[in-house]
């Protein structure tokens, strides 16, 4: 970081500088991990929502087919009431199979809704963690800025002391001549 100088013979200055740089690295790493986790949760939630949408569409299609077949079956029975009973079983079996598939799809849809709710809860938790980490980052940034300011003040004081020493040595050298 070009605006943060870490020069000088004093070990305290170097330690404060290293601590400030360490805090900055921690902040960046926390932010990166948080962003990765947040993106992963969003991808999972999106995938489950898309799956739930497909299931809902399939359920609607199956319900439409069942309604259509029921209507056809009712009309056919009304029109062909004199057919032998064996012929009616085939249509009844088709209707039964469609109802079974409809129930299965409704169960899948319910299951996906539960998974979706769970993922939403996890996303809420991740957002809460994100807010907490953002607050931590804000505090660390504030602490880091204070440490940097303190370091700059100490460096300025050290330079002033060094200038005074140089002047004293020069004055002493002039007086000795």
N, C-alpha and C. Protein backbone atom coordinates (compact mmCIF):
# COMPACT_ATOMS: atom_id res chain seq x y z
N UNK A 1 0.86 -1.16 0.00
CA UNK A 1 0.00 0.00 0.00
C UNK A 1 0.90 1.22 0.00
N UNK A 2 0.91 1.99 -1.06
CA UNK A 2 1.88 3.06 -1.22
C UNK A 2 1.73 4.18 -0.21
N UNK A 3 0.59 4.43 0.35
CA UNK A 3 0.40 5.55 1.27
C UNK A 3 0.73 5.19 2.70
N UNK A 4 1.10 3.93 2.96
CA UNK A 4 1.43 3.49 4.31
C UNK A 4 2.91 3.19 4.33
N UNK A 5 3.67 4.04 5.03
CA UNK A 5 5.12 3.81 5.08
C UNK A 5 5.45 2.99 6.30
N UNK A 6 6.38 2.10 6.13
CA UNK A 6 6.80 1.21 7.22
C UNK A 6 8.31 1.27 7.33
N UNK A 7 8.84 2.49 7.41
CA UNK A 7 10.28 2.64 7.49
C UNK A 7 10.68 3.04 8.90
N UNK A 8 11.94 2.95 9.12
CA UNK A 8 12.45 3.43 10.39
C UNK A 8 13.07 2.33 11.20
N UNK A 9 14.03 2.70 12.01
CA UNK A 9 14.74 1.68 12.80
C UNK A 9 13.92 1.17 13.98
N UNK A 10 12.87 1.87 14.38
CA UNK A 10 12.08 1.45 15.54
C UNK A 10 11.27 0.20 15.24
N UNK A 11 11.44 -0.85 16.02
CA UNK A 11 10.69 -2.09 15.81
C UNK A 11 9.20 -1.91 16.01
N UNK A 12 8.81 -0.99 16.87
CA UNK A 12 7.39 -0.75 17.14
C UNK A 12 6.65 -0.28 15.90
N UNK A 13 7.33 0.54 15.10
CA UNK A 13 6.70 1.04 13.88
C UNK A 13 6.45 -0.12 12.91
N UNK A 14 7.42 -0.98 12.78
CA UNK A 14 7.28 -2.12 11.87
C UNK A 14 6.18 -3.06 12.36
N UNK A 15 6.12 -3.27 13.67
CA UNK A 15 5.08 -4.15 14.21
C UNK A 15 3.69 -3.57 13.97
N UNK A 16 3.55 -2.26 14.19
CA UNK A 16 2.25 -1.63 13.96
C UNK A 16 1.86 -1.71 12.49
N UNK A 17 2.84 -1.52 11.62
CA UNK A 17 2.58 -1.60 10.18
C UNK A 17 2.18 -3.02 9.79
N UNK A 18 2.91 -3.99 10.30
CA UNK A 18 2.58 -5.39 9.99
C UNK A 18 1.19 -5.74 10.51
N UNK A 19 0.86 -5.26 11.71
CA UNK A 19 -0.47 -5.53 12.27
C UNK A 19 -1.55 -4.92 11.39
N UNK A 20 -1.32 -3.70 10.93
CA UNK A 20 -2.30 -3.04 10.06
C UNK A 20 -2.46 -3.80 8.75
N UNK A 21 -1.35 -4.22 8.17
CA UNK A 21 -1.42 -4.99 6.92
C UNK A 21 -2.09 -6.34 7.16
N UNK A 22 -1.83 -6.94 8.32
CA UNK A 22 -2.48 -8.22 8.65
C UNK A 22 -3.98 -8.06 8.75
N UNK A 23 -4.41 -6.96 9.37
CA UNK A 23 -5.85 -6.69 9.47
C UNK A 23 -6.46 -6.51 8.08
N UNK A 24 -5.77 -5.81 7.22
CA UNK A 24 -6.28 -5.60 5.86
C UNK A 24 -6.41 -6.93 5.13
N UNK A 25 -5.41 -7.80 5.27
CA UNK A 25 -5.48 -9.13 4.64
C UNK A 25 -6.65 -9.93 5.18
N UNK A 26 -6.86 -9.88 6.49
CA UNK A 26 -7.98 -10.61 7.10
C UNK A 26 -9.32 -10.08 6.56
N UNK A 27 -9.42 -8.78 6.45
CA UNK A 27 -10.65 -8.17 5.94
C UNK A 27 -10.92 -8.65 4.52
N UNK A 28 -9.91 -8.62 3.69
CA UNK A 28 -10.09 -9.05 2.29
C UNK A 28 -10.46 -10.52 2.21
N UNK A 29 -9.82 -11.36 3.01
CA UNK A 29 -10.12 -12.81 2.99
C UNK A 29 -11.54 -13.07 3.48
N UNK A 30 -11.96 -12.40 4.56
CA UNK A 30 -13.33 -12.56 5.05
C UNK A 30 -14.35 -12.13 4.00
N UNK A 31 -14.10 -11.02 3.35
CA UNK A 31 -15.01 -10.52 2.33
C UNK A 31 -15.10 -11.51 1.17
N UNK A 32 -13.96 -12.06 0.73
CA UNK A 32 -13.93 -13.00 -0.38
C UNK A 32 -14.72 -14.26 -0.04
N UNK A 33 -14.48 -14.82 1.16
CA UNK A 33 -15.19 -16.04 1.57
C UNK A 33 -16.68 -15.78 1.69
N UNK A 34 -17.03 -14.66 2.24
CA UNK A 34 -18.44 -14.31 2.40
C UNK A 34 -19.12 -14.18 1.04
N UNK A 35 -18.46 -13.53 0.11
CA UNK A 35 -19.03 -13.40 -1.23
C UNK A 35 -19.20 -14.76 -1.90
N UNK A 36 -18.22 -15.65 -1.74
CA UNK A 36 -18.32 -17.00 -2.33
C UNK A 36 -19.49 -17.77 -1.74
N UNK A 37 -19.63 -17.74 -0.41
CA UNK A 37 -20.72 -18.47 0.24
C UNK A 37 -22.07 -17.89 -0.17
N UNK A 38 -22.15 -16.59 -0.24
CA UNK A 38 -23.41 -15.94 -0.61
C UNK A 38 -23.79 -16.33 -2.04
N UNK A 39 -22.83 -16.34 -2.94
CA UNK A 39 -23.10 -16.72 -4.33
C UNK A 39 -23.54 -18.18 -4.42
N UNK A 40 -22.90 -19.06 -3.63
CA UNK A 40 -23.28 -20.48 -3.64
C UNK A 40 -24.71 -20.66 -3.15
N UNK A 41 -25.08 -19.98 -2.08
CA UNK A 41 -26.46 -20.07 -1.58
C UNK A 41 -27.45 -19.57 -2.62
N UNK A 42 -27.11 -18.48 -3.28
CA UNK A 42 -28.01 -17.94 -4.29
C UNK A 42 -28.18 -18.93 -5.45
N UNK A 43 -27.07 -19.58 -5.85
CA UNK A 43 -27.17 -20.56 -6.94
C UNK A 43 -28.05 -21.73 -6.53
N UNK A 44 -27.85 -22.23 -5.30
CA UNK A 44 -28.67 -23.35 -4.82
C UNK A 44 -30.14 -22.96 -4.77
N UNK A 45 -30.40 -21.80 -4.21
CA UNK A 45 -31.79 -21.34 -4.10
C UNK A 45 -32.42 -21.21 -5.48
N UNK A 46 -31.67 -20.64 -6.41
CA UNK A 46 -32.19 -20.48 -7.78
C UNK A 46 -32.49 -21.85 -8.40
N UNK A 47 -31.59 -22.82 -8.22
CA UNK A 47 -31.80 -24.16 -8.79
C UNK A 47 -33.04 -24.81 -8.19
N UNK A 48 -33.20 -24.70 -6.89
CA UNK A 48 -34.38 -25.30 -6.26
C UNK A 48 -35.67 -24.59 -6.68
N UNK A 49 -35.60 -23.29 -6.82
CA UNK A 49 -36.79 -22.56 -7.26
C UNK A 49 -37.16 -22.96 -8.69
N UNK A 50 -36.16 -23.12 -9.54
CA UNK A 50 -36.44 -23.56 -10.91
C UNK A 50 -37.02 -24.96 -10.91
N UNK A 51 -36.48 -25.85 -10.09
CA UNK A 51 -37.02 -27.20 -9.98
C UNK A 51 -38.45 -27.19 -9.50
N UNK A 52 -38.72 -26.35 -8.52
CA UNK A 52 -40.08 -26.26 -7.99
C UNK A 52 -41.03 -25.71 -9.06
N UNK A 53 -40.55 -24.76 -9.84
CA UNK A 53 -41.38 -24.22 -10.90
C UNK A 53 -41.70 -25.29 -11.95
N UNK A 54 -40.67 -26.07 -12.32
CA UNK A 54 -40.91 -27.15 -13.29
C UNK A 54 -41.90 -28.17 -12.74
N UNK A 55 -41.75 -28.50 -11.45
CA UNK A 55 -42.68 -29.45 -10.83
C UNK A 55 -44.10 -28.90 -10.85
N UNK A 56 -44.24 -27.62 -10.53
CA UNK A 56 -45.58 -27.01 -10.51
C UNK A 56 -46.19 -27.03 -11.91
N UNK A 57 -45.37 -26.75 -12.92
CA UNK A 57 -45.88 -26.79 -14.29
C UNK A 57 -46.30 -28.20 -14.67
N UNK A 58 -45.49 -29.18 -14.26
CA UNK A 58 -45.83 -30.57 -14.56
C UNK A 58 -47.12 -30.98 -13.86
N UNK A 59 -47.28 -30.56 -12.61
CA UNK A 59 -48.51 -30.86 -11.87
C UNK A 59 -49.71 -30.24 -12.60
N UNK A 60 -49.57 -29.00 -13.05
CA UNK A 60 -50.67 -28.36 -13.78
C UNK A 60 -51.01 -29.12 -15.06
N UNK A 61 -49.97 -29.54 -15.77
CA UNK A 61 -50.22 -30.30 -17.01
C UNK A 61 -50.93 -31.61 -16.70
N UNK A 62 -50.46 -32.29 -15.65
CA UNK A 62 -51.09 -33.56 -15.29
C UNK A 62 -52.54 -33.35 -14.84
N UNK A 63 -52.78 -32.28 -14.08
CA UNK A 63 -54.15 -32.00 -13.66
C UNK A 63 -55.04 -31.72 -14.88
N UNK A 64 -54.49 -31.01 -15.84
CA UNK A 64 -55.26 -30.73 -17.06
C UNK A 64 -55.56 -32.03 -17.80
N UNK A 65 -54.55 -32.91 -17.86
CA UNK A 65 -54.77 -34.19 -18.54
C UNK A 65 -55.81 -35.03 -17.81
N UNK A 66 -55.73 -35.04 -16.48
CA UNK A 66 -56.70 -35.81 -15.70
C UNK A 66 -58.10 -35.26 -15.93
N UNK A 67 -58.23 -33.93 -15.90
CA UNK A 67 -59.54 -33.32 -16.14
C UNK A 67 -60.06 -33.67 -17.53
N UNK A 68 -59.17 -33.58 -18.50
CA UNK A 68 -59.55 -33.89 -19.88
C UNK A 68 -59.98 -35.36 -20.00
N UNK A 69 -59.18 -36.24 -19.41
CA UNK A 69 -59.51 -37.67 -19.49
C UNK A 69 -60.79 -37.98 -18.72
N UNK A 70 -60.98 -37.33 -17.60
CA UNK A 70 -62.22 -37.55 -16.84
C UNK A 70 -63.43 -37.13 -17.67
N UNK A 71 -63.31 -35.98 -18.31
CA UNK A 71 -64.41 -35.50 -19.15
C UNK A 71 -64.66 -36.46 -20.31
N UNK A 72 -63.56 -36.89 -20.94
CA UNK A 72 -63.71 -37.85 -22.04
C UNK A 72 -64.34 -39.15 -21.56
N UNK A 73 -63.85 -39.60 -20.41
CA UNK A 73 -64.38 -40.86 -19.87
C UNK A 73 -65.87 -40.72 -19.57
N UNK A 74 -66.26 -39.61 -19.00
CA UNK A 74 -67.67 -39.37 -18.69
C UNK A 74 -68.51 -39.35 -19.96
N UNK A 75 -68.02 -38.64 -20.97
CA UNK A 75 -68.75 -38.60 -22.25
C UNK A 75 -68.82 -39.98 -22.89
N UNK A 76 -67.68 -40.67 -22.86
CA UNK A 76 -67.65 -42.01 -23.49
C UNK A 76 -68.59 -42.96 -22.77
N UNK A 77 -68.62 -42.89 -21.46
CA UNK A 77 -69.53 -43.78 -20.72
C UNK A 77 -70.98 -43.43 -21.02
N UNK A 78 -71.23 -42.15 -21.14
CA UNK A 78 -72.60 -41.73 -21.46
C UNK A 78 -73.02 -42.17 -22.85
N UNK A 79 -72.10 -42.02 -23.79
CA UNK A 79 -72.42 -42.39 -25.17
C UNK A 79 -72.42 -43.90 -25.40
N UNK A 80 -71.52 -44.57 -24.71
CA UNK A 80 -71.37 -46.01 -24.94
C UNK A 80 -71.74 -46.83 -23.72
N UNK A 81 -72.82 -46.49 -23.11
CA UNK A 81 -73.25 -47.18 -21.90
C UNK A 81 -73.55 -48.66 -22.13
N UNK A 82 -73.68 -49.06 -23.33
CA UNK A 82 -74.03 -50.46 -23.61
C UNK A 82 -72.83 -51.33 -23.89
N UNK A 83 -71.61 -50.79 -23.81
CA UNK A 83 -70.42 -51.63 -24.06
C UNK A 83 -70.21 -52.61 -22.93
N UNK A 84 -69.55 -53.71 -23.22
CA UNK A 84 -69.23 -54.67 -22.17
C UNK A 84 -68.32 -54.02 -21.12
N UNK A 85 -68.40 -54.44 -19.85
CA UNK A 85 -67.62 -53.82 -18.77
C UNK A 85 -66.10 -53.93 -18.97
N UNK A 86 -65.63 -54.95 -19.70
CA UNK A 86 -64.18 -55.12 -19.87
C UNK A 86 -63.55 -53.93 -20.60
N UNK A 87 -64.25 -53.32 -21.51
CA UNK A 87 -63.71 -52.19 -22.27
C UNK A 87 -63.55 -50.94 -21.39
N UNK A 88 -64.38 -50.78 -20.44
CA UNK A 88 -64.32 -49.61 -19.55
C UNK A 88 -63.11 -49.65 -18.63
N UNK A 89 -62.58 -50.83 -18.34
CA UNK A 89 -61.45 -50.96 -17.42
C UNK A 89 -60.18 -50.30 -17.98
N UNK A 90 -59.99 -50.37 -19.27
CA UNK A 90 -58.78 -49.79 -19.86
C UNK A 90 -58.75 -48.28 -19.63
N UNK A 91 -59.85 -47.60 -19.88
CA UNK A 91 -59.91 -46.16 -19.65
C UNK A 91 -59.79 -45.84 -18.16
N UNK A 92 -60.38 -46.67 -17.35
CA UNK A 92 -60.31 -46.47 -15.91
C UNK A 92 -58.88 -46.63 -15.41
N UNK A 93 -58.15 -47.60 -15.96
CA UNK A 93 -56.74 -47.79 -15.57
C UNK A 93 -55.89 -46.59 -15.98
N UNK A 94 -56.13 -46.04 -17.17
CA UNK A 94 -55.41 -44.85 -17.60
C UNK A 94 -55.66 -43.69 -16.64
N UNK A 95 -56.89 -43.53 -16.26
CA UNK A 95 -57.25 -42.47 -15.33
C UNK A 95 -56.58 -42.70 -13.97
N UNK A 96 -56.60 -43.94 -13.52
CA UNK A 96 -55.97 -44.28 -12.24
C UNK A 96 -54.47 -43.99 -12.29
N UNK A 97 -53.82 -44.37 -13.39
CA UNK A 97 -52.38 -44.11 -13.54
C UNK A 97 -52.09 -42.61 -13.55
N UNK A 98 -52.93 -41.85 -14.23
CA UNK A 98 -52.75 -40.40 -14.26
C UNK A 98 -52.92 -39.81 -12.86
N UNK A 99 -53.87 -40.30 -12.11
CA UNK A 99 -54.07 -39.81 -10.74
C UNK A 99 -52.88 -40.16 -9.86
N UNK A 100 -52.34 -41.36 -10.04
CA UNK A 100 -51.15 -41.76 -9.26
C UNK A 100 -49.98 -40.83 -9.58
N UNK A 101 -49.75 -40.57 -10.86
CA UNK A 101 -48.66 -39.67 -11.25
C UNK A 101 -48.89 -38.26 -10.70
N UNK A 102 -50.13 -37.82 -10.72
CA UNK A 102 -50.45 -36.50 -10.18
C UNK A 102 -50.11 -36.44 -8.70
N UNK A 103 -50.48 -37.44 -7.95
CA UNK A 103 -50.18 -37.47 -6.51
C UNK A 103 -48.67 -37.49 -6.28
N UNK A 104 -47.94 -38.26 -7.09
CA UNK A 104 -46.49 -38.31 -6.95
C UNK A 104 -45.87 -36.94 -7.21
N UNK A 105 -46.34 -36.27 -8.25
CA UNK A 105 -45.81 -34.95 -8.58
C UNK A 105 -46.18 -33.92 -7.50
N UNK A 106 -47.36 -34.06 -6.93
CA UNK A 106 -47.73 -33.16 -5.83
C UNK A 106 -46.83 -33.38 -4.63
N UNK A 107 -46.48 -34.64 -4.36
CA UNK A 107 -45.56 -34.93 -3.25
C UNK A 107 -44.18 -34.34 -3.54
N UNK A 108 -43.72 -34.49 -4.78
CA UNK A 108 -42.42 -33.90 -5.14
C UNK A 108 -42.46 -32.38 -5.00
N UNK A 109 -43.55 -31.80 -5.43
CA UNK A 109 -43.70 -30.35 -5.34
C UNK A 109 -43.66 -29.89 -3.88
N UNK A 110 -44.34 -30.63 -3.02
CA UNK A 110 -44.33 -30.32 -1.58
C UNK A 110 -42.92 -30.44 -1.03
N UNK A 111 -42.22 -31.50 -1.44
CA UNK A 111 -40.85 -31.70 -0.98
C UNK A 111 -39.95 -30.55 -1.44
N UNK A 112 -40.09 -30.15 -2.68
CA UNK A 112 -39.29 -29.03 -3.18
C UNK A 112 -39.64 -27.73 -2.46
N UNK A 113 -40.88 -27.55 -2.11
CA UNK A 113 -41.28 -26.35 -1.35
C UNK A 113 -40.59 -26.33 0.01
N UNK A 114 -40.49 -27.51 0.64
CA UNK A 114 -39.81 -27.60 1.93
C UNK A 114 -38.32 -27.29 1.78
N UNK A 115 -37.70 -27.85 0.75
CA UNK A 115 -36.28 -27.58 0.50
C UNK A 115 -36.09 -26.10 0.21
N UNK A 116 -36.99 -25.52 -0.56
CA UNK A 116 -36.92 -24.10 -0.88
C UNK A 116 -37.01 -23.26 0.40
N UNK A 117 -37.91 -23.62 1.29
CA UNK A 117 -38.04 -22.89 2.56
C UNK A 117 -36.75 -23.02 3.38
N UNK A 118 -36.18 -24.23 3.39
CA UNK A 118 -34.94 -24.44 4.13
C UNK A 118 -33.81 -23.58 3.54
N UNK A 119 -33.72 -23.53 2.22
CA UNK A 119 -32.69 -22.73 1.57
C UNK A 119 -32.91 -21.24 1.81
N UNK A 120 -34.16 -20.82 1.83
CA UNK A 120 -34.43 -19.41 2.15
C UNK A 120 -33.96 -19.08 3.57
N UNK A 121 -34.20 -20.00 4.49
CA UNK A 121 -33.75 -19.80 5.86
C UNK A 121 -32.23 -19.72 5.91
N UNK A 122 -31.56 -20.61 5.18
CA UNK A 122 -30.10 -20.57 5.14
C UNK A 122 -29.61 -19.27 4.51
N UNK A 123 -30.31 -18.80 3.48
CA UNK A 123 -29.93 -17.55 2.85
C UNK A 123 -30.11 -16.39 3.83
N UNK A 124 -31.19 -16.42 4.60
CA UNK A 124 -31.40 -15.39 5.62
C UNK A 124 -30.26 -15.42 6.65
N UNK A 125 -29.88 -16.64 7.05
CA UNK A 125 -28.77 -16.77 8.00
C UNK A 125 -27.47 -16.26 7.40
N UNK A 126 -27.25 -16.56 6.13
CA UNK A 126 -26.05 -16.08 5.46
C UNK A 126 -26.06 -14.56 5.37
N UNK A 127 -27.23 -13.99 5.09
CA UNK A 127 -27.33 -12.52 5.05
C UNK A 127 -27.05 -11.91 6.41
N UNK A 128 -27.55 -12.56 7.46
CA UNK A 128 -27.27 -12.08 8.82
C UNK A 128 -25.78 -12.15 9.12
N UNK A 129 -25.17 -13.27 8.75
CA UNK A 129 -23.72 -13.42 8.94
C UNK A 129 -22.97 -12.37 8.11
N UNK A 130 -23.46 -12.11 6.91
CA UNK A 130 -22.85 -11.11 6.04
C UNK A 130 -22.89 -9.73 6.70
N UNK A 131 -24.03 -9.40 7.30
CA UNK A 131 -24.15 -8.11 7.98
C UNK A 131 -23.18 -8.03 9.16
N UNK A 132 -23.08 -9.13 9.91
CA UNK A 132 -22.17 -9.15 11.06
C UNK A 132 -20.72 -9.00 10.59
N UNK A 133 -20.37 -9.72 9.52
CA UNK A 133 -19.01 -9.61 9.00
C UNK A 133 -18.74 -8.21 8.43
N UNK A 134 -19.74 -7.62 7.81
CA UNK A 134 -19.57 -6.26 7.30
C UNK A 134 -19.32 -5.29 8.45
N UNK A 135 -20.03 -5.48 9.54
CA UNK A 135 -19.81 -4.64 10.73
C UNK A 135 -18.40 -4.87 11.28
N UNK A 136 -17.97 -6.14 11.33
CA UNK A 136 -16.61 -6.44 11.78
C UNK A 136 -15.58 -5.78 10.87
N UNK A 137 -15.83 -5.84 9.57
CA UNK A 137 -14.91 -5.22 8.61
C UNK A 137 -14.86 -3.72 8.84
N UNK A 138 -16.03 -3.13 9.07
CA UNK A 138 -16.06 -1.68 9.32
C UNK A 138 -15.24 -1.33 10.56
N UNK A 139 -15.41 -2.13 11.63
CA UNK A 139 -14.66 -1.87 12.86
C UNK A 139 -13.16 -2.07 12.64
N UNK A 140 -12.80 -3.16 11.94
CA UNK A 140 -11.38 -3.42 11.67
C UNK A 140 -10.79 -2.31 10.81
N UNK A 141 -11.56 -1.82 9.87
CA UNK A 141 -11.07 -0.73 9.02
C UNK A 141 -10.85 0.53 9.84
N UNK A 142 -11.76 0.80 10.75
CA UNK A 142 -11.61 1.96 11.64
C UNK A 142 -10.38 1.79 12.52
N UNK A 143 -10.21 0.60 13.12
CA UNK A 143 -9.04 0.33 13.96
C UNK A 143 -7.76 0.46 13.15
N UNK A 144 -7.80 -0.04 11.92
CA UNK A 144 -6.62 0.00 11.07
C UNK A 144 -6.27 1.46 10.75
N UNK A 145 -7.28 2.27 10.46
CA UNK A 145 -7.04 3.68 10.15
C UNK A 145 -6.44 4.40 11.37
N UNK A 146 -6.95 4.06 12.56
CA UNK A 146 -6.40 4.67 13.79
C UNK A 146 -4.95 4.24 13.99
N UNK A 147 -4.67 2.95 13.77
CA UNK A 147 -3.30 2.45 13.93
C UNK A 147 -2.37 3.12 12.93
N UNK A 148 -2.83 3.31 11.70
CA UNK A 148 -2.03 3.96 10.67
C UNK A 148 -1.76 5.41 11.05
N UNK A 149 -2.79 6.09 11.55
CA UNK A 149 -2.63 7.49 11.96
C UNK A 149 -1.63 7.59 13.11
N UNK A 150 -1.77 6.67 14.07
CA UNK A 150 -0.85 6.66 15.21
C UNK A 150 0.58 6.41 14.73
N UNK A 151 0.74 5.49 13.79
CA UNK A 151 2.06 5.19 13.24
C UNK A 151 2.64 6.42 12.56
N UNK A 152 1.82 7.11 11.79
CA UNK A 152 2.30 8.32 11.10
C UNK A 152 2.69 9.39 12.11
N UNK A 153 1.93 9.53 13.20
CA UNK A 153 2.26 10.52 14.23
C UNK A 153 3.58 10.16 14.90
N UNK A 154 3.76 8.87 15.19
CA UNK A 154 5.01 8.44 15.83
C UNK A 154 6.20 8.64 14.89
N UNK A 155 6.00 8.36 13.60
CA UNK A 155 7.08 8.58 12.64
C UNK A 155 7.44 10.06 12.57
N UNK A 156 6.41 10.92 12.57
CA UNK A 156 6.67 12.37 12.53
C UNK A 156 7.42 12.80 13.79
N UNK A 157 7.02 12.28 14.94
CA UNK A 157 7.71 12.61 16.20
C UNK A 157 9.14 12.10 16.16
N UNK A 158 9.33 10.91 15.61
CA UNK A 158 10.68 10.34 15.52
C UNK A 158 11.55 11.21 14.61
N UNK A 159 10.99 11.68 13.50
CA UNK A 159 11.75 12.55 12.58
C UNK A 159 12.12 13.86 13.27
N UNK A 160 11.17 14.42 14.03
CA UNK A 160 11.48 15.67 14.75
C UNK A 160 12.60 15.43 15.77
N UNK A 161 12.53 14.33 16.50
CA UNK A 161 13.58 14.00 17.47
C UNK A 161 14.92 13.82 16.77
N UNK A 162 14.88 13.18 15.61
CA UNK A 162 16.11 12.94 14.85
C UNK A 162 16.71 14.27 14.40
N UNK A 163 15.84 15.20 13.94
CA UNK A 163 16.32 16.52 13.52
C UNK A 163 16.94 17.27 14.70
N UNK A 164 16.31 17.16 15.87
CA UNK A 164 16.85 17.83 17.07
C UNK A 164 18.22 17.25 17.41
N UNK A 165 18.36 15.91 17.34
CA UNK A 165 19.64 15.26 17.63
C UNK A 165 20.72 15.72 16.65
N UNK A 166 20.34 15.79 15.36
CA UNK A 166 21.31 16.22 14.34
C UNK A 166 21.74 17.65 14.62
N UNK A 167 20.81 18.51 14.96
CA UNK A 167 21.16 19.91 15.26
C UNK A 167 22.05 20.00 16.50
N UNK A 168 21.72 19.19 17.52
CA UNK A 168 22.54 19.20 18.73
C UNK A 168 23.96 18.74 18.42
N UNK A 169 24.06 17.70 17.61
CA UNK A 169 25.40 17.21 17.24
C UNK A 169 26.13 18.27 16.44
N UNK A 170 25.43 18.95 15.53
CA UNK A 170 26.07 20.00 14.73
C UNK A 170 26.50 21.17 15.62
N UNK A 171 25.62 21.53 16.56
CA UNK A 171 25.97 22.63 17.48
C UNK A 171 27.16 22.24 18.35
N UNK A 172 27.15 21.01 18.82
CA UNK A 172 28.25 20.54 19.66
C UNK A 172 29.54 20.50 18.85
N UNK A 173 29.44 20.12 17.59
CA UNK A 173 30.63 20.06 16.74
C UNK A 173 31.16 21.46 16.47
N UNK A 174 30.29 22.42 16.29
CA UNK A 174 30.72 23.80 16.05
C UNK A 174 31.36 24.39 17.31
N UNK A 175 30.79 24.04 18.44
CA UNK A 175 31.32 24.55 19.69
C UNK A 175 32.67 23.93 20.03
N UNK A 176 32.92 22.73 19.58
CA UNK A 176 34.18 22.06 19.86
C UNK A 176 35.28 22.56 18.95
N UNK A 177 34.94 23.17 17.85
CA UNK A 177 35.95 23.63 16.89
C UNK A 177 36.60 24.88 17.30
